[in-house]
Amino acid sequence: MNEASQSSSLSEDLDLAERYLIQAMFEKAESLSSSILRRCFSDREQFENGTVESASMVFLQSLNEHGKTDGIFNKLELLFESVAVIPADVLILGAHLQIEHGSGTTTKLRSVLEQFLKAWRFVDGVYDGQTYVSLKTEEQHFSLLSVEKYLEIVDVYVIRLLGTILCDFDAAISWTENADLPEEKRRELIRKLQSLSSAKDTSSSQAFIRENGSPSKEEKEEFRDRSKQSHSSIRKAFQPCFWVFQTFGLKSGNAPLIFQNEKLFILTAFVILICYFARKKHATIQRFALKQFLSVRKALIDIWQLAFSIPVNSLAAV
């Protein structure tokens, strides 16, 4: 089979695998896409024209829909024979699927990401892949990866996996400090990790207080005694300032009368307040009373005039 016919066959098979996926025939989509990947592996051109990445995406989605997210990277390693040559977008999608579904072991995901990141070196604006020797074909593969895509994988590894999922901030910061990264990106990652660590410490402290913050009975009694002593001391210190709230007593015959200065003070203040407003609104009150008086007077006059203005029929009296 020549190269043109092989490429045409791969394209047709890829279309068929995508149709299987759309029709929810996940086992057939998985089987056909994995077959495509095995056939592409020895053809360098298929890596460049996007066939490998497209088939890998179909393969991953088939595994995910079929409930096989746990084994994503085990199967990818068998197909590609090395983590280093897995397409970056495929690696990112696989990592997100495992993290979001909570499937698989984080140990495996961590190992895969570390291997991938370690297999590339920073050269002239791109991360240059190291020479890879295929176990099947013994052919060397050499790839280029953009800085943006490499740093996207770094974010998944450092921030999402180590920082958010595993909370291993020491390992994350140590890796970031020693990794071959642009200096600006290194500082940004360290700031994010420190922020996550601070938030985690605060959350842990609040959880500890919720779990262990209830004092024992002895501690409550001791606190109550201290509060009483403190309250007594404060009251004695400020007693002269609050003489109006004390009480005094009088004796009328055999019946003692007790008056509270607090109530007397409040009553006096209330009376003074009423007098103040009465004096302040004296003119208004006077006008209101006069207006009411005139209204009543006019009403009485009208009634009186009406009563004596009715004509008397002399025949009605006979």
Protein backbone atom coordinates (compact mmCIF):
# COMPACT_ATOMS: atom_id res chain seq x y z
CA MET A 1 0.00 0.00 0.00
CA ASN A 2 1.54 3.34 -1.04
CA GLU A 3 1.59 6.44 1.18
CA ALA A 4 -1.38 8.13 -0.53
CA SER A 5 -3.65 5.12 -0.17
CA GLN A 6 -2.51 4.59 3.42
CA SER A 7 -3.25 8.24 4.29
CA SER A 8 -6.66 7.98 2.62
CA SER A 9 -7.41 4.79 4.55
CA LEU A 10 -6.43 6.42 7.85
CA SER A 11 -8.61 9.44 7.11
CA GLU A 12 -11.60 7.24 6.30
CA ASP A 13 -11.07 5.14 9.42
CA LEU A 14 -10.81 8.28 11.52
CA ASP A 15 -14.13 9.56 10.13
CA LEU A 16 -15.70 6.20 10.92
CA ALA A 17 -14.31 6.25 14.48
CA GLU A 18 -15.76 9.71 15.03
CA ARG A 19 -19.17 8.50 13.78
CA TYR A 20 -18.98 5.58 16.21
CA LEU A 21 -18.32 8.05 19.02
CA ILE A 22 -21.25 10.28 18.04
CA GLN A 23 -23.55 7.24 17.84
CA ALA A 24 -22.48 6.16 21.36
CA MET A 25 -20.79 3.03 20.02
CA PHE A 26 -17.89 3.56 22.40
CA GLU A 27 -16.24 0.12 22.19
CA LYS A 28 -16.02 0.29 18.40
CA ALA A 29 -14.74 3.90 18.56
CA GLU A 30 -12.07 2.88 21.08
CA SER A 31 -10.96 -0.14 19.09
CA LEU A 32 -10.78 1.66 15.75
CA SER A 33 -9.03 4.77 17.12
CA SER A 34 -6.40 2.65 18.88
CA SER A 35 -5.84 0.77 15.60
CA ILE A 36 -5.33 4.07 13.81
CA LEU A 37 -2.78 5.17 16.41
CA ARG A 38 -0.78 1.96 16.07
CA ARG A 39 -0.66 2.36 12.30
CA CYS A 40 0.34 6.04 12.60
CA PHE A 41 3.11 5.47 15.06
CA SER A 42 5.74 4.53 12.48
CA ASP A 43 4.75 7.38 10.14
CA ARG A 44 6.30 10.72 11.16
CA GLU A 45 4.01 12.59 8.76
CA GLN A 46 0.89 11.49 10.66
CA PHE A 47 2.19 13.27 13.76
CA GLU A 48 2.50 16.49 11.79
CA ASN A 49 -0.83 16.50 9.94
CA GLY A 50 -2.89 16.06 13.12
CA THR A 51 -4.12 12.51 12.50
CA VAL A 52 -2.47 11.20 15.66
CA GLU A 53 -3.94 13.95 17.82
CA SER A 54 -7.45 13.54 16.34
CA ALA A 55 -7.40 9.77 16.80
CA SER A 56 -6.11 10.22 20.34
CA MET A 57 -8.98 12.56 21.19
CA VAL A 58 -11.51 10.03 19.91
CA PHE A 59 -9.73 7.33 21.91
CA LEU A 60 -9.81 9.37 25.15
CA GLN A 61 -13.47 10.34 24.80
CA SER A 62 -14.39 6.72 24.10
CA LEU A 63 -12.63 5.58 27.26
CA ASN A 64 -14.25 8.34 29.28
CA GLU A 65 -17.79 7.65 28.03
CA HIS A 66 -17.26 3.92 28.53
CA GLY A 67 -16.26 4.44 32.18
CA LYS A 68 -12.58 3.56 31.68
CA THR A 69 -11.06 6.85 32.81
CA ASP A 70 -8.86 5.04 35.35
CA GLY A 71 -6.75 3.41 32.66
CA ILE A 72 -6.28 6.35 30.31
CA PHE A 73 -2.54 6.76 30.78
CA ASN A 74 -1.79 3.05 30.97
CA LYS A 75 -3.37 2.63 27.53
CA LEU A 76 -1.70 5.74 26.13
CA GLU A 77 1.70 4.50 27.28
CA LEU A 78 1.09 1.17 25.54
CA LEU A 79 0.12 2.94 22.32
CA PHE A 80 2.86 5.61 22.27
CA GLU A 81 5.49 3.59 24.14
CA SER A 82 6.73 6.81 25.73
CA VAL A 83 5.02 9.62 27.62
CA ALA A 84 7.28 12.15 25.92
CA VAL A 85 5.65 11.76 22.49
CA ILE A 86 2.03 11.95 23.63
CA PRO A 87 0.54 15.09 22.00
CA ALA A 88 0.33 17.93 24.54
CA ASP A 89 -3.42 18.50 24.11
CA VAL A 90 -4.06 14.78 24.56
CA LEU A 91 -2.02 14.77 27.75
CA ILE A 92 -3.89 17.82 29.10
CA LEU A 93 -7.30 16.34 28.29
CA GLY A 94 -6.40 13.03 29.90
CA ALA A 95 -5.18 14.79 33.06
CA HIS A 96 -8.37 16.89 33.32
CA LEU A 97 -10.60 13.84 32.82
CA GLN A 98 -8.89 11.92 35.61
CA ILE A 99 -8.90 14.88 37.99
CA GLU A 100 -12.51 15.87 37.37
CA HIS A 101 -13.85 12.32 37.61
CA GLY A 102 -11.71 11.55 40.65
CA SER A 103 -10.67 8.35 38.96
CA GLY A 104 -7.38 6.57 38.90
CA THR A 105 -4.52 7.13 41.28
CA THR A 106 -2.90 10.53 41.55
CA THR A 107 0.43 8.74 41.80
CA LYS A 108 0.14 7.55 38.19
CA LEU A 109 -0.95 10.95 36.91
CA ARG A 110 1.86 12.65 38.81
CA SER A 111 4.40 10.24 37.35
CA VAL A 112 3.15 10.76 33.79
CA LEU A 113 3.26 14.55 34.03
CA GLU A 114 6.72 14.51 35.60
CA GLN A 115 8.05 12.26 32.84
CA PHE A 116 6.60 14.46 30.13
CA LEU A 117 7.91 17.71 31.60
CA LYS A 118 11.34 16.20 32.22
CA ALA A 119 11.59 15.01 28.60
CA TRP A 120 11.67 18.56 27.19
CA ARG A 121 14.27 21.28 27.41
CA PHE A 122 13.94 25.03 26.85
CA VAL A 123 15.68 26.10 23.63
CA ASP A 124 15.17 29.35 21.65
CA GLY A 125 11.56 29.99 22.55
CA VAL A 126 10.33 26.41 22.31
CA TYR A 127 10.63 23.33 24.47
CA ASP A 128 12.73 20.99 22.39
CA GLY A 129 11.97 17.29 22.78
CA GLN A 130 14.81 14.96 23.54
CA THR A 131 15.66 12.21 21.06
CA TYR A 132 13.23 9.34 21.39
CA VAL A 133 13.93 5.79 20.18
CA SER A 134 10.86 3.74 19.32
CA LEU A 135 10.85 0.27 20.81
CA LYS A 136 9.07 -1.14 17.74
CA THR A 137 10.54 0.66 14.79
CA GLU A 138 13.86 1.83 16.26
CA GLU A 139 13.21 5.19 14.56
CA GLN A 140 14.12 8.46 16.22
CA HIS A 141 11.38 11.06 16.68
CA PHE A 142 12.12 14.73 17.23
CA SER A 143 9.39 17.27 18.01
CA LEU A 144 8.87 20.90 18.83
CA LEU A 145 6.43 22.18 21.42
CA SER A 146 5.39 25.80 21.93
CA VAL A 147 6.20 27.51 25.21
CA GLU A 148 2.53 28.28 25.82
CA LYS A 149 1.52 24.63 25.51
CA TYR A 150 4.37 23.47 27.74
CA LEU A 151 3.47 26.04 30.40
CA GLU A 152 -0.16 24.92 30.23
CA ILE A 153 0.98 21.43 31.20
CA VAL A 154 3.12 22.97 33.94
CA ASP A 155 0.00 24.65 35.36
CA VAL A 156 -1.87 21.35 35.37
CA TYR A 157 0.99 19.65 37.19
CA VAL A 158 2.07 22.34 39.65
CA ILE A 159 -1.12 24.26 40.44
CA ARG A 160 -3.95 21.82 39.87
CA LEU A 161 -2.36 18.48 40.84
CA LEU A 162 0.33 19.30 43.41
CA GLY A 163 -1.20 22.50 44.80
CA THR A 164 -4.96 21.93 44.68
CA ILE A 165 -5.43 18.13 44.71
CA LEU A 166 -2.44 16.86 46.70
CA CYS A 167 -1.68 20.05 48.66
CA ASP A 168 2.03 19.18 48.41
CA PHE A 169 3.22 22.77 48.37
CA ASP A 170 6.82 22.00 49.32
CA ALA A 171 7.24 19.66 46.35
CA ALA A 172 5.46 22.10 44.02
CA ILE A 173 7.62 25.06 45.04
CA SER A 174 10.80 22.97 44.92
CA TRP A 175 10.00 21.72 41.41
CA THR A 176 9.14 25.24 40.23
CA GLU A 177 12.37 26.70 41.60
CA ASN A 178 14.52 24.05 39.89
CA ALA A 179 12.61 23.66 36.61
CA ASP A 180 13.75 25.19 33.35
CA LEU A 181 11.12 27.92 33.11
CA PRO A 182 10.92 31.56 32.04
CA GLU A 183 11.66 33.64 35.13
CA GLU A 184 8.39 35.57 34.97
CA LYS A 185 6.40 32.34 34.85
CA ARG A 186 8.42 30.93 37.75
CA ARG A 187 7.57 33.92 39.96
CA GLU A 188 3.91 33.73 38.96
CA LEU A 189 3.70 30.03 39.89
CA ILE A 190 5.39 30.59 43.24
CA ARG A 191 2.96 33.43 44.08
CA LYS A 192 -0.01 31.20 43.24
CA LEU A 193 1.37 28.35 45.34
CA GLN A 194 1.99 30.62 48.31
CA SER A 195 -1.54 31.98 48.03
CA LEU A 196 -2.98 28.44 47.90
CA SER A 197 -0.87 27.43 50.88
CA SER A 198 -2.07 30.41 52.94
CA ALA A 199 -5.69 29.67 52.07
CA LYS A 200 -5.18 26.02 53.01
CA ASP A 201 -3.63 26.96 56.38
CA THR A 202 -6.52 29.30 57.17
CA SER A 203 -9.06 26.63 56.25
CA SER A 204 -7.24 24.05 58.36
CA SER A 205 -7.15 26.39 61.36
CA GLN A 206 -10.88 27.06 61.12
CA ALA A 207 -11.58 23.33 60.84
CA PHE A 208 -9.42 22.66 63.90
CA ILE A 209 -11.30 25.29 65.89
CA ARG A 210 -14.63 23.80 64.83
CA GLU A 211 -13.51 20.32 65.86
CA ASN A 212 -11.61 21.17 69.05
CA GLY A 213 -12.93 24.58 69.99
CA SER A 214 -15.63 23.49 72.50
CA PRO A 215 -14.21 24.10 76.01
CA SER A 216 -14.60 21.54 78.77
CA LYS A 217 -16.95 22.00 81.75
CA GLU A 218 -14.07 23.02 84.01
CA GLU A 219 -12.86 25.59 81.47
CA LYS A 220 -16.37 27.05 81.19
CA GLU A 221 -16.68 27.37 85.01
CA GLU A 222 -13.24 28.95 85.27
CA PHE A 223 -14.11 31.42 82.52
CA ARG A 224 -17.42 32.24 84.25
CA ASP A 225 -15.66 32.92 87.58
CA ARG A 226 -13.11 35.17 85.88
CA SER A 227 -15.91 37.03 84.12
CA LYS A 228 -17.76 37.61 87.40
CA GLN A 229 -14.62 38.89 89.11
CA SER A 230 -13.86 41.18 86.20
CA HIS A 231 -17.44 42.49 86.14
CA SER A 232 -17.36 43.16 89.88
CA SER A 233 -14.08 45.04 89.63
CA ILE A 234 -15.34 47.17 86.74
CA ARG A 235 -18.60 47.97 88.56
CA LYS A 236 -16.73 49.12 91.68
CA ALA A 237 -14.41 51.24 89.62
CA PHE A 238 -17.26 53.01 87.77
CA GLN A 239 -19.85 53.03 90.55
CA PRO A 240 -19.57 56.82 91.22
CA CYS A 241 -20.25 57.46 87.55
CA PHE A 242 -23.55 55.56 87.60
CA TRP A 243 -25.11 56.84 90.84
CA VAL A 244 -28.35 57.59 89.01
CA PHE A 245 -28.94 53.85 88.55
CA GLN A 246 -28.68 53.03 92.29
CA THR A 247 -31.66 52.54 94.63
CA PHE A 248 -32.76 54.25 97.83
CA GLY A 249 -35.46 53.35 100.37
CA LEU A 250 -38.02 55.10 102.56
CA LYS A 251 -40.11 53.73 105.38
CA SER A 252 -43.80 54.59 105.68
CA GLY A 253 -45.04 53.04 108.95
CA ASN A 254 -44.10 49.39 108.84
CA ALA A 255 -44.05 49.23 105.03
CA PRO A 256 -40.71 49.94 103.43
CA LEU A 257 -40.74 51.72 100.12
CA ILE A 258 -37.90 51.16 97.70
CA PHE A 259 -37.28 53.55 94.82
CA GLN A 260 -34.87 52.94 92.02
CA ASN A 261 -32.95 55.98 90.90
CA GLU A 262 -32.88 54.43 87.43
CA LYS A 263 -36.69 54.50 87.07
CA LEU A 264 -36.95 57.91 88.71
CA PHE A 265 -34.30 59.27 86.39
CA ILE A 266 -36.04 57.85 83.30
CA LEU A 267 -39.46 59.19 84.42
CA THR A 268 -38.01 62.64 85.12
CA ALA A 269 -36.29 62.70 81.76
CA PHE A 270 -39.53 61.68 80.06
CA VAL A 271 -41.48 64.48 81.78
CA ILE A 272 -38.82 67.03 80.91
CA LEU A 273 -38.87 65.83 77.30
CA ILE A 274 -42.66 66.24 77.09
CA CYS A 275 -42.47 69.72 78.62
CA TYR A 276 -39.74 70.68 76.17
CA PHE A 277 -41.74 69.58 73.15
CA ALA A 278 -44.92 71.16 74.52
CA ARG A 279 -43.11 74.46 74.91
CA LYS A 280 -41.39 74.09 71.58
CA LYS A 281 -44.68 73.34 69.78
CA HIS A 282 -46.84 75.67 71.92
CA ALA A 283 -47.89 77.87 69.02
CA THR A 284 -48.68 74.89 66.84
CA ILE A 285 -50.75 73.23 69.57
CA GLN A 286 -52.57 76.48 70.26
CA ARG A 287 -53.46 76.91 66.57
CA PHE A 288 -54.66 73.33 66.35
CA ALA A 289 -56.87 73.70 69.47
CA LEU A 290 -58.33 77.01 68.20
CA LYS A 291 -59.04 75.45 64.82
CA GLN A 292 -60.87 72.54 66.43
CA PHE A 293 -62.84 74.93 68.69
CA LEU A 294 -63.94 77.09 65.74
CA SER A 295 -64.99 73.99 63.79
CA VAL A 296 -67.16 72.74 66.67
CA ARG A 297 -68.61 76.25 67.20
CA LYS A 298 -69.52 76.59 63.53
CA ALA A 299 -71.15 73.16 63.53
CA LEU A 300 -73.32 74.09 66.56
CA ILE A 301 -74.36 77.38 64.97
CA ASP A 302 -75.35 75.62 61.75
CA ILE A 303 -77.42 73.08 63.69
CA TRP A 304 -79.15 75.89 65.67
CA GLN A 305 -79.98 77.89 62.56
CA LEU A 306 -81.30 74.82 60.78
CA ALA A 307 -83.58 73.94 63.71
CA PHE A 308 -85.27 77.37 63.84
CA SER A 309 -85.46 77.97 60.10
CA ILE A 310 -87.92 75.10 59.39
CA PRO A 311 -91.41 76.60 58.56
CA VAL A 312 -94.33 75.40 60.72
CA ASN A 313 -97.54 74.19 58.96
CA SER A 314 -100.55 75.56 60.88
CA LEU A 315 -102.93 72.97 59.45
CA ALA A 316 -100.73 70.13 60.73
CA ALA A 317 -101.49 71.18 64.28
CA VAL A 318 -105.31 70.82 63.87
